[in-house]
């Protein structure tokens, strides 16, 4: 579970990111989840664009994706969502979250 300070830190990090995936009318399939999992392992923080043709909004999408990936939802604004998951492999860990006080 992320603290509000950690979530704010991740939102700042994601500000300059471009979406690397799109979710469209096919919705959130197992294949999409697999691709997102691979991207999260190598990047830890990703931005996804939810197309207008998708049958769900950003809030529904971020909750579903985060649940299925066991990841942390960071932000859902408009048609974009940001998701964070710490990499399992030590060599892929790039983001150092602020510590809790």
PDB file of N, CA and C in Angstrom:
ATOM      1  N   UNK A   1       0.841  -1.186   0.000  1.00  0.00           N
ATOM      2  CA  UNK A   1       0.000   0.000   0.000  1.00  0.00           C
ATOM      3  C   UNK A   1       0.881   1.243   0.000  1.00  0.00           C
ATOM      4  N   UNK A   2       0.610   2.137  -0.920  1.00  0.00           N
ATOM      5  CA  UNK A   2       1.387   3.366  -1.034  1.00  0.00           C
ATOM      6  C   UNK A   2       0.837   4.439  -0.099  1.00  0.00           C
ATOM      7  N   UNK A   3       1.744   5.227   0.451  1.00  0.00           N
ATOM      8  CA  UNK A   3       1.319   6.387   1.223  1.00  0.00           C
ATOM      9  C   UNK A   3       1.021   7.527   0.258  1.00  0.00           C
ATOM     10  N   UNK A   4       0.387   8.575   0.749  1.00  0.00           N
ATOM     11  CA  UNK A   4       0.077   9.709  -0.127  1.00  0.00           C
ATOM     12  C   UNK A   4       1.357  10.389  -0.613  1.00  0.00           C
ATOM     13  N   UNK A   5       2.391  10.392   0.216  1.00  0.00           N
ATOM     14  CA  UNK A   5       3.673  10.983  -0.195  1.00  0.00           C
ATOM     15  C   UNK A   5       4.314  10.158  -1.317  1.00  0.00           C
ATOM     16  N   UNK A   6       4.265   8.837  -1.191  1.00  0.00           N
ATOM     17  CA  UNK A   6       4.816   7.972  -2.231  1.00  0.00           C
ATOM     18  C   UNK A   6       4.007   8.076  -3.520  1.00  0.00           C
ATOM     19  N   UNK A   7       2.694   8.152  -3.390  1.00  0.00           N
ATOM     20  CA  UNK A   7       1.828   8.293  -4.565  1.00  0.00           C
ATOM     21  C   UNK A   7       2.124   9.609  -5.292  1.00  0.00           C
ATOM     22  N   UNK A   8       2.318  10.690  -4.536  1.00  0.00           N
ATOM     23  CA  UNK A   8       2.649  11.984  -5.133  1.00  0.00           C
ATOM     24  C   UNK A   8       3.995  11.917  -5.849  1.00  0.00           C
ATOM     25  N   UNK A   9       4.957  11.218  -5.246  1.00  0.00           N
ATOM     26  CA  UNK A   9       6.277  11.041  -5.861  1.00  0.00           C
ATOM     27  C   UNK A   9       6.146  10.306  -7.194  1.00  0.00           C
ATOM     28  N   UNK A  10       5.344   9.245  -7.216  1.00  0.00           N
ATOM     29  CA  UNK A  10       5.159   8.464  -8.445  1.00  0.00           C
ATOM     30  C   UNK A  10       4.398   9.251  -9.516  1.00  0.00           C
ATOM     31  N   UNK A  11       3.419  10.054  -9.099  1.00  0.00           N
ATOM     32  CA  UNK A  11       2.700  10.900 -10.075  1.00  0.00           C
ATOM     33  C   UNK A  11       3.674  11.868 -10.742  1.00  0.00           C
ATOM     34  N   UNK A  12       4.587  12.414  -9.944  1.00  0.00           N
ATOM     35  CA  UNK A  12       5.588  13.335 -10.486  1.00  0.00           C
ATOM     36  C   UNK A  12       6.493  12.611 -11.488  1.00  0.00           C
ATOM     37  N   UNK A  13       6.909  11.397 -11.147  1.00  0.00           N
ATOM     38  CA  UNK A  13       7.747  10.601 -12.042  1.00  0.00           C
ATOM     39  C   UNK A  13       7.014  10.268 -13.349  1.00  0.00           C
ATOM     40  N   UNK A  14       5.725  10.021 -13.253  1.00  0.00           N
ATOM     41  CA  UNK A  14       4.932   9.612 -14.421  1.00  0.00           C
ATOM     42  C   UNK A  14       4.548  10.782 -15.314  1.00  0.00           C
ATOM     43  N   UNK A  15       4.709  11.993 -14.826  1.00  0.00           N
ATOM     44  CA  UNK A  15       4.283  13.172 -15.578  1.00  0.00           C
ATOM     45  C   UNK A  15       4.910  13.240 -16.971  1.00  0.00           C
ATOM     46  N   UNK A  16       6.151  12.883 -17.102  1.00  0.00           N
ATOM     47  CA  UNK A  16       6.837  12.958 -18.391  1.00  0.00           C
ATOM     48  C   UNK A  16       6.728  11.698 -19.232  1.00  0.00           C
ATOM     49  N   UNK A  17       6.091  10.670 -18.701  1.00  0.00           N
ATOM     50  CA  UNK A  17       5.972   9.408 -19.433  1.00  0.00           C
ATOM     51  C   UNK A  17       4.903   9.479 -20.516  1.00  0.00           C
ATOM     52  N   UNK A  18       5.169   8.797 -21.614  1.00  0.00           N
ATOM     53  CA  UNK A  18       4.157   8.619 -22.651  1.00  0.00           C
ATOM     54  C   UNK A  18       3.483   7.270 -22.410  1.00  0.00           C
ATOM     55  N   UNK A  19       2.202   7.150 -22.754  1.00  0.00           N
ATOM     56  CA  UNK A  19       1.537   5.846 -22.610  1.00  0.00           C
ATOM     57  C   UNK A  19       2.204   4.809 -23.510  1.00  0.00           C
ATOM     58  N   UNK A  20       2.474   3.626 -22.948  1.00  0.00           N
ATOM     59  CA  UNK A  20       3.124   2.581 -23.746  1.00  0.00           C
ATOM     60  C   UNK A  20       2.138   1.499 -24.175  1.00  0.00           C
ATOM     61  N   UNK A  21       0.915   1.545 -23.639  1.00  0.00           N
ATOM     62  CA  UNK A  21      -0.131   0.596 -24.016  1.00  0.00           C
ATOM     63  C   UNK A  21      -1.435   1.332 -24.229  1.00  0.00           C
ATOM     64  N   UNK A  22      -2.316   0.688 -25.000  1.00  0.00           N
ATOM     65  CA  UNK A  22      -3.675   1.187 -25.181  1.00  0.00           C
ATOM     66  C   UNK A  22      -4.632   0.041 -24.893  1.00  0.00           C
ATOM     67  N   UNK A  23      -5.704   0.364 -24.199  1.00  0.00           N
ATOM     68  CA  UNK A  23      -6.754  -0.623 -23.971  1.00  0.00           C
ATOM     69  C   UNK A  23      -7.975  -0.140 -24.743  1.00  0.00           C
ATOM     70  N   UNK A  24      -8.445  -0.981 -25.652  1.00  0.00           N
ATOM     71  CA  UNK A  24      -9.555  -0.591 -26.522  1.00  0.00           C
ATOM     72  C   UNK A  24     -10.780  -1.441 -26.312  1.00  0.00           C
ATOM     73  N   UNK A  25     -11.503  -1.670 -27.405  1.00  0.00           N
ATOM     74  CA  UNK A  25     -12.785  -2.375 -27.307  1.00  0.00           C
ATOM     75  C   UNK A  25     -12.637  -3.815 -26.854  1.00  0.00           C
ATOM     76  N   UNK A  26     -11.453  -4.382 -26.987  1.00  0.00           N
ATOM     77  CA  UNK A  26     -11.208  -5.745 -26.510  1.00  0.00           C
ATOM     78  C   UNK A  26     -11.168  -5.834 -24.999  1.00  0.00           C
ATOM     79  N   UNK A  27     -10.983  -4.700 -24.354  1.00  0.00           N
ATOM     80  CA  UNK A  27     -10.956  -4.663 -22.902  1.00  0.00           C
ATOM     81  C   UNK A  27      -9.653  -5.192 -22.317  1.00  0.00           C
ATOM     82  N   UNK A  28      -9.732  -5.610 -21.073  1.00  0.00           N
ATOM     83  CA  UNK A  28      -8.554  -6.084 -20.358  1.00  0.00           C
ATOM     84  C   UNK A  28      -8.516  -7.606 -20.467  1.00  0.00           C
ATOM     85  N   UNK A  29      -7.771  -8.085 -21.445  1.00  0.00           N
ATOM     86  CA  UNK A  29      -7.670  -9.519 -21.695  1.00  0.00           C
ATOM     87  C   UNK A  29      -6.448 -10.086 -20.982  1.00  0.00           C
ATOM     88  N   UNK A  30      -6.334 -11.396 -20.960  1.00  0.00           N
ATOM     89  CA  UNK A  30      -5.171 -12.048 -20.356  1.00  0.00           C
ATOM     90  C   UNK A  30      -3.892 -11.642 -21.078  1.00  0.00           C
ATOM     91  N   UNK A  31      -3.979 -11.472 -22.389  1.00  0.00           N
ATOM     92  CA  UNK A  31      -2.809 -11.063 -23.172  1.00  0.00           C
ATOM     93  C   UNK A  31      -2.349  -9.655 -22.780  1.00  0.00           C
ATOM     94  N   UNK A  32      -3.298  -8.749 -22.590  1.00  0.00           N
ATOM     95  CA  UNK A  32      -2.973  -7.388 -22.160  1.00  0.00           C
ATOM     96  C   UNK A  32      -2.309  -7.427 -20.787  1.00  0.00           C
ATOM     97  N   UNK A  33      -2.852  -8.225 -19.879  1.00  0.00           N
ATOM     98  CA  UNK A  33      -2.292  -8.343 -18.533  1.00  0.00           C
ATOM     99  C   UNK A  33      -0.864  -8.887 -18.585  1.00  0.00           C
ATOM    100  N   UNK A  34      -0.629  -9.872 -19.440  1.00  0.00           N
ATOM    101  CA  UNK A  34       0.714 -10.439 -19.590  1.00  0.00           C
ATOM    102  C   UNK A  34       1.695  -9.383 -20.073  1.00  0.00           C
ATOM    103  N   UNK A  35       1.288  -8.612 -21.088  1.00  0.00           N
ATOM    104  CA  UNK A  35       2.162  -7.563 -21.614  1.00  0.00           C
ATOM    105  C   UNK A  35       2.424  -6.467 -20.577  1.00  0.00           C
ATOM    106  N   UNK A  36       1.397  -6.089 -19.831  1.00  0.00           N
ATOM    107  CA  UNK A  36       1.558  -5.086 -18.783  1.00  0.00           C
ATOM    108  C   UNK A  36       2.490  -5.597 -17.693  1.00  0.00           C
ATOM    109  N   UNK A  37       2.385  -6.868 -17.342  1.00  0.00           N
ATOM    110  CA  UNK A  37       3.257  -7.454 -16.317  1.00  0.00           C
ATOM    111  C   UNK A  37       4.719  -7.416 -16.749  1.00  0.00           C
ATOM    112  N   UNK A  38       4.969  -7.731 -18.009  1.00  0.00           N
ATOM    113  CA  UNK A  38       6.342  -7.675 -18.532  1.00  0.00           C
ATOM    114  C   UNK A  38       6.881  -6.252 -18.513  1.00  0.00           C
ATOM    115  N   UNK A  39       6.043  -5.294 -18.899  1.00  0.00           N
ATOM    116  CA  UNK A  39       6.462  -3.890 -18.907  1.00  0.00           C
ATOM    117  C   UNK A  39       6.724  -3.397 -17.489  1.00  0.00           C
ATOM    118  N   UNK A  40       5.875  -3.788 -16.548  1.00  0.00           N
ATOM    119  CA  UNK A  40       6.074  -3.372 -15.158  1.00  0.00           C
ATOM    120  C   UNK A  40       7.351  -3.958 -14.576  1.00  0.00           C
ATOM    121  N   UNK A  41       7.691  -5.180 -14.949  1.00  0.00           N
ATOM    122  CA  UNK A  41       8.917  -5.790 -14.438  1.00  0.00           C
ATOM    123  C   UNK A  41      10.151  -5.036 -14.911  1.00  0.00           C
ATOM    124  N   UNK A  42      10.118  -4.531 -16.133  1.00  0.00           N
ATOM    125  CA  UNK A  42      11.292  -3.824 -16.643  1.00  0.00           C
ATOM    126  C   UNK A  42      11.292  -2.327 -16.339  1.00  0.00           C
ATOM    127  N   UNK A  43      10.102  -1.733 -16.148  1.00  0.00           N
ATOM    128  CA  UNK A  43      10.022  -0.277 -15.953  1.00  0.00           C
ATOM    129  C   UNK A  43       9.547   0.148 -14.571  1.00  0.00           C
ATOM    130  N   UNK A  44       8.769  -0.660 -13.916  1.00  0.00           N
ATOM    131  CA  UNK A  44       8.159  -0.419 -12.597  1.00  0.00           C
ATOM    132  C   UNK A  44       6.996   0.579 -12.621  1.00  0.00           C
ATOM    133  N   UNK A  45       7.052   1.564 -13.476  1.00  0.00           N
ATOM    134  CA  UNK A  45       6.010   2.586 -13.547  1.00  0.00           C
ATOM    135  C   UNK A  45       5.604   2.748 -15.007  1.00  0.00           C
ATOM    136  N   UNK A  46       4.315   2.543 -15.291  1.00  0.00           N
ATOM    137  CA  UNK A  46       3.858   2.663 -16.678  1.00  0.00           C
ATOM    138  C   UNK A  46       2.577   3.486 -16.752  1.00  0.00           C
ATOM    139  N   UNK A  47       2.395   4.082 -17.935  1.00  0.00           N
ATOM    140  CA  UNK A  47       1.182   4.846 -18.220  1.00  0.00           C
ATOM    141  C   UNK A  47       0.457   4.133 -19.353  1.00  0.00           C
ATOM    142  N   UNK A  48      -0.873   4.019 -19.211  1.00  0.00           N
ATOM    143  CA  UNK A  48      -1.701   3.313 -20.187  1.00  0.00           C
ATOM    144  C   UNK A  48      -2.834   4.237 -20.629  1.00  0.00           C
ATOM    145  N   UNK A  49      -3.129   4.216 -21.920  1.00  0.00           N
ATOM    146  CA  UNK A  49      -4.213   5.027 -22.477  1.00  0.00           C
ATOM    147  C   UNK A  49      -5.440   4.143 -22.670  1.00  0.00           C
ATOM    148  N   UNK A  50      -6.574   4.586 -22.146  1.00  0.00           N
ATOM    149  CA  UNK A  50      -7.838   3.870 -22.321  1.00  0.00           C
ATOM    150  C   UNK A  50      -8.579   4.540 -23.480  1.00  0.00           C
ATOM    151  N   UNK A  51      -8.788   3.805 -24.555  1.00  0.00           N
ATOM    152  CA  UNK A  51      -9.444   4.367 -25.734  1.00  0.00           C
ATOM    153  C   UNK A  51     -10.936   4.574 -25.496  1.00  0.00           C
ATOM    154  N   UNK A  52     -11.525   5.464 -26.275  1.00  0.00           N
ATOM    155  CA  UNK A  52     -12.966   5.733 -26.165  1.00  0.00           C
ATOM    156  C   UNK A  52     -13.799   4.503 -26.489  1.00  0.00           C
ATOM    157  N   UNK A  53     -13.267   3.611 -27.315  1.00  0.00           N
ATOM    158  CA  UNK A  53     -14.013   2.411 -27.693  1.00  0.00           C
ATOM    159  C   UNK A  53     -14.059   1.366 -26.583  1.00  0.00           C
ATOM    160  N   UNK A  54     -13.229   1.533 -25.568  1.00  0.00           N
ATOM    161  CA  UNK A  54     -13.239   0.591 -24.438  1.00  0.00           C
ATOM    162  C   UNK A  54     -14.568   0.728 -23.697  1.00  0.00           C
ATOM    163  N   UNK A  55     -15.037  -0.371 -23.185  1.00  0.00           N
ATOM    164  CA  UNK A  55     -16.319  -0.363 -22.505  1.00  0.00           C
ATOM    165  C   UNK A  55     -16.189  -0.081 -21.011  1.00  0.00           C
ATOM    166  N   UNK A  56     -15.059   0.495 -20.607  1.00  0.00           N
ATOM    167  CA  UNK A  56     -14.873   0.861 -19.212  1.00  0.00           C
ATOM    168  C   UNK A  56     -14.125   2.186 -19.133  1.00  0.00           C
ATOM    169  N   UNK A  57     -14.308   2.865 -18.016  1.00  0.00           N
ATOM    170  CA  UNK A  57     -13.617   4.141 -17.852  1.00  0.00           C
ATOM    171  C   UNK A  57     -12.292   3.920 -17.135  1.00  0.00           C
ATOM    172  N   UNK A  58     -11.534   4.995 -16.954  1.00  0.00           N
ATOM    173  CA  UNK A  58     -10.198   4.902 -16.382  1.00  0.00           C
ATOM    174  C   UNK A  58     -10.218   4.350 -14.957  1.00  0.00           C
ATOM    175  N   UNK A  59     -11.189   4.750 -14.152  1.00  0.00           N
ATOM    176  CA  UNK A  59     -11.269   4.273 -12.760  1.00  0.00           C
ATOM    177  C   UNK A  59     -11.494   2.759 -12.711  1.00  0.00           C
ATOM    178  N   UNK A  60     -12.415   2.273 -13.542  1.00  0.00           N
ATOM    179  CA  UNK A  60     -12.665   0.832 -13.592  1.00  0.00           C
ATOM    180  C   UNK A  60     -11.435   0.088 -14.094  1.00  0.00           C
ATOM    181  N   UNK A  61     -10.800   0.651 -15.112  1.00  0.00           N
ATOM    182  CA  UNK A  61      -9.630   0.006 -15.717  1.00  0.00           C
ATOM    183  C   UNK A  61      -8.476  -0.079 -14.733  1.00  0.00           C
ATOM    184  N   UNK A  62      -8.186   1.013 -14.027  1.00  0.00           N
ATOM    185  CA  UNK A  62      -7.042   0.991 -13.114  1.00  0.00           C
ATOM    186  C   UNK A  62      -7.271   0.007 -11.976  1.00  0.00           C
ATOM    187  N   UNK A  63      -8.501  -0.071 -11.477  1.00  0.00           N
ATOM    188  CA  UNK A  63      -8.791  -1.017 -10.396  1.00  0.00           C
ATOM    189  C   UNK A  63      -8.661  -2.463 -10.866  1.00  0.00           C
ATOM    190  N   UNK A  64      -9.178  -2.758 -12.048  1.00  0.00           N
ATOM    191  CA  UNK A  64      -9.104  -4.113 -12.598  1.00  0.00           C
ATOM    192  C   UNK A  64      -7.664  -4.523 -12.881  1.00  0.00           C
ATOM    193  N   UNK A  65      -6.907  -3.637 -13.537  1.00  0.00           N
ATOM    194  CA  UNK A  65      -5.520  -3.940 -13.888  1.00  0.00           C
ATOM    195  C   UNK A  65      -4.674  -4.111 -12.624  1.00  0.00           C
ATOM    196  N   UNK A  66      -4.807  -3.202 -11.688  1.00  0.00           N
ATOM    197  CA  UNK A  66      -4.022  -3.277 -10.452  1.00  0.00           C
ATOM    198  C   UNK A  66      -4.335  -4.558  -9.678  1.00  0.00           C
ATOM    199  N   UNK A  67      -5.600  -4.924  -9.636  1.00  0.00           N
ATOM    200  CA  UNK A  67      -6.004  -6.142  -8.926  1.00  0.00           C
ATOM    201  C   UNK A  67      -5.399  -7.381  -9.580  1.00  0.00           C
ATOM    202  N   UNK A  68      -5.500  -7.458 -10.896  1.00  0.00           N
ATOM    203  CA  UNK A  68      -5.012  -8.645 -11.608  1.00  0.00           C
ATOM    204  C   UNK A  68      -3.492  -8.746 -11.612  1.00  0.00           C
ATOM    205  N   UNK A  69      -2.799  -7.610 -11.547  1.00  0.00           N
ATOM    206  CA  UNK A  69      -1.339  -7.607 -11.554  1.00  0.00           C
ATOM    207  C   UNK A  69      -0.740  -7.561 -10.143  1.00  0.00           C
ATOM    208  N   UNK A  70      -1.604  -7.401  -9.134  1.00  0.00           N
ATOM    209  CA  UNK A  70      -1.136  -7.183  -7.766  1.00  0.00           C
ATOM    210  C   UNK A  70      -0.186  -5.988  -7.728  1.00  0.00           C
ATOM    211  N   UNK A  71      -0.596  -4.932  -8.405  1.00  0.00           N
ATOM    212  CA  UNK A  71       0.179  -3.702  -8.508  1.00  0.00           C
ATOM    213  C   UNK A  71      -0.539  -2.582  -7.759  1.00  0.00           C
ATOM    214  N   UNK A  72       0.088  -1.425  -7.720  1.00  0.00           N
ATOM    215  CA  UNK A  72      -0.480  -0.264  -7.034  1.00  0.00           C
ATOM    216  C   UNK A  72      -1.046   0.724  -8.050  1.00  0.00           C
ATOM    217  N   UNK A  73      -2.320   1.084  -7.926  1.00  0.00           N
ATOM    218  CA  UNK A  73      -2.845   2.146  -8.787  1.00  0.00           C
ATOM    219  C   UNK A  73      -2.298   3.484  -8.306  1.00  0.00           C
ATOM    220  N   UNK A  74      -1.754   4.263  -9.214  1.00  0.00           N
ATOM    221  CA  UNK A  74      -1.164   5.552  -8.846  1.00  0.00           C
ATOM    222  C   UNK A  74      -2.109   6.687  -9.188  1.00  0.00           C
ATOM    223  N   UNK A  75      -2.617   6.680 -10.427  1.00  0.00           N
ATOM    224  CA  UNK A  75      -3.417   7.814 -10.876  1.00  0.00           C
ATOM    225  C   UNK A  75      -4.314   7.402 -12.041  1.00  0.00           C
ATOM    226  N   UNK A  76      -5.515   7.957 -12.066  1.00  0.00           N
ATOM    227  CA  UNK A  76      -6.434   7.783 -13.195  1.00  0.00           C
ATOM    228  C   UNK A  76      -7.028   9.142 -13.500  1.00  0.00           C
ATOM    229  N   UNK A  77      -6.586   9.737 -14.603  1.00  0.00           N
ATOM    230  CA  UNK A  77      -7.080  11.055 -15.004  1.00  0.00           C
ATOM    231  C   UNK A  77      -7.501  10.981 -16.458  1.00  0.00           C
ATOM    232  N   UNK A  78      -8.730  11.385 -16.716  1.00  0.00           N
ATOM    233  CA  UNK A  78      -9.231  11.366 -18.088  1.00  0.00           C
ATOM    234  C   UNK A  78      -9.200   9.958 -18.636  1.00  0.00           C
ATOM    235  N   UNK A  79      -8.432   9.760 -19.689  1.00  0.00           N
ATOM    236  CA  UNK A  79      -8.342   8.441 -20.311  1.00  0.00           C
ATOM    237  C   UNK A  79      -6.984   7.790 -20.079  1.00  0.00           C
ATOM    238  N   UNK A  80      -6.225   8.298 -19.120  1.00  0.00           N
ATOM    239  CA  UNK A  80      -4.896   7.757 -18.838  1.00  0.00           C
ATOM    240  C   UNK A  80      -4.843   7.198 -17.413  1.00  0.00           C
ATOM    241  N   UNK A  81      -4.147   6.067 -17.271  1.00  0.00           N
ATOM    242  CA  UNK A  81      -3.923   5.503 -15.951  1.00  0.00           C
ATOM    243  C   UNK A  81      -2.433   5.267 -15.743  1.00  0.00           C
ATOM    244  N   UNK A  82      -2.010   5.341 -14.500  1.00  0.00           N
ATOM    245  CA  UNK A  82      -0.616   5.109 -14.135  1.00  0.00           C
ATOM    246  C   UNK A  82      -0.592   4.014 -13.078  1.00  0.00           C
ATOM    247  N   UNK A  83       0.279   3.017 -13.301  1.00  0.00           N
ATOM    248  CA  UNK A  83       0.368   1.860 -12.417  1.00  0.00           C
ATOM    249  C   UNK A  83       1.821   1.648 -12.014  1.00  0.00           C
ATOM    250  N   UNK A  84       2.013   1.253 -10.748  1.00  0.00           N
ATOM    251  CA  UNK A  84       3.353   0.981 -10.221  1.00  0.00           C
ATOM    252  C   UNK A  84       3.394  -0.418  -9.619  1.00  0.00           C
ATOM    253  N   UNK A  85       4.486  -1.108  -9.887  1.00  0.00           N
ATOM    254  CA  UNK A  85       4.761  -2.373  -9.213  1.00  0.00           C
ATOM    255  C   UNK A  85       6.265  -2.518  -9.114  1.00  0.00           C
ATOM    256  N   UNK A  86       6.743  -2.766  -7.900  1.00  0.00           N
ATOM    257  CA  UNK A  86       8.178  -2.929  -7.698  1.00  0.00           C
ATOM    258  C   UNK A  86       8.646  -4.173  -8.439  1.00  0.00           C
ATOM    259  N   UNK A  87       9.778  -4.044  -9.139  1.00  0.00           N
ATOM    260  CA  UNK A  87      10.318  -5.153  -9.922  1.00  0.00           C
ATOM    261  C   UNK A  87      10.776  -6.279  -8.995  1.00  0.00           C
ATOM    262  N   UNK A  88      10.558  -7.511  -9.417  1.00  0.00           N
ATOM    263  CA  UNK A  88      11.002  -8.665  -8.641  1.00  0.00           C
ATOM    264  C   UNK A  88      12.512  -8.828  -8.703  1.00  0.00           C
ATOM    265  N   UNK A  89      13.090  -8.568  -9.866  1.00  0.00           N
ATOM    266  CA  UNK A  89      14.534  -8.713 -10.042  1.00  0.00           C
ATOM    267  C   UNK A  89      15.242  -7.446  -9.575  1.00  0.00           C
ATOM    268  N   UNK A  90      16.274  -7.633  -8.785  1.00  0.00           N
ATOM    269  CA  UNK A  90      17.047  -6.517  -8.220  1.00  0.00           C
ATOM    270  C   UNK A  90      17.604  -5.606  -9.320  1.00  0.00           C
ATOM    271  N   UNK A  91      18.063  -6.189 -10.429  1.00  0.00           N
ATOM    272  CA  UNK A  91      18.675  -5.384 -11.493  1.00  0.00           C
ATOM    273  C   UNK A  91      17.673  -4.465 -12.194  1.00  0.00           C
ATOM    274  N   UNK A  92      16.375  -4.781 -12.104  1.00  0.00           N
ATOM    275  CA  UNK A  92      15.347  -3.964 -12.753  1.00  0.00           C
ATOM    276  C   UNK A  92      14.792  -2.853 -11.867  1.00  0.00           C
ATOM    277  N   UNK A  93      15.191  -2.815 -10.620  1.00  0.00           N
ATOM    278  CA  UNK A  93      14.673  -1.803  -9.700  1.00  0.00           C
ATOM    279  C   UNK A  93      15.338  -0.466  -9.956  1.00  0.00           C
ATOM    280  N   UNK A  94      14.520   0.492 -10.365  1.00  0.00           N
ATOM    281  CA  UNK A  94      15.024   1.820 -10.715  1.00  0.00           C
ATOM    282  C   UNK A  94      14.451   2.908  -9.823  1.00  0.00           C
ATOM    283  N   UNK A  95      13.284   2.679  -9.264  1.00  0.00           N
ATOM    284  CA  UNK A  95      12.585   3.701  -8.503  1.00  0.00           C
ATOM    285  C   UNK A  95      12.757   3.443  -7.017  1.00  0.00           C
ATOM    286  N   UNK A  96      13.247   4.463  -6.312  1.00  0.00           N
ATOM    287  CA  UNK A  96      13.392   4.402  -4.866  1.00  0.00           C
ATOM    288  C   UNK A  96      12.308   5.293  -4.262  1.00  0.00           C
ATOM    289  N   UNK A  97      11.321   4.665  -3.647  1.00  0.00           N
ATOM    290  CA  UNK A  97      10.209   5.410  -3.057  1.00  0.00           C
ATOM    291  C   UNK A  97      10.653   6.132  -1.779  1.00  0.00           C
ATOM    292  N   UNK A  98      10.061   7.304  -1.502  1.00  0.00           N
ATOM    293  CA  UNK A  98      10.346   7.997  -0.234  1.00  0.00           C
ATOM    294  C   UNK A  98       9.949   7.092   0.940  1.00  0.00           C
ATOM    295  N   UNK A  99      10.722   7.146   1.982  1.00  0.00           N
ATOM    296  CA  UNK A  99      10.459   6.319   3.173  1.00  0.00           C
ATOM    297  C   UNK A  99       9.331   6.904   3.995  1.00  0.00           C
ATOM    298  N   UNK A 100       8.638   6.037   4.720  1.00  0.00           N
ATOM    299  CA  UNK A 100       7.602   6.485   5.656  1.00  0.00           C
ATOM    300  C   UNK A 100       8.270   7.053   6.901  1.00  0.00           C
ATOM    301  N   UNK A 101       7.649   8.063   7.464  1.00  0.00           N
ATOM    302  CA  UNK A 101       8.210   8.634   8.694  1.00  0.00           C
ATOM    303  C   UNK A 101       7.371   8.262   9.871  1.00  0.00           C
TER     304      UNK A 101
END
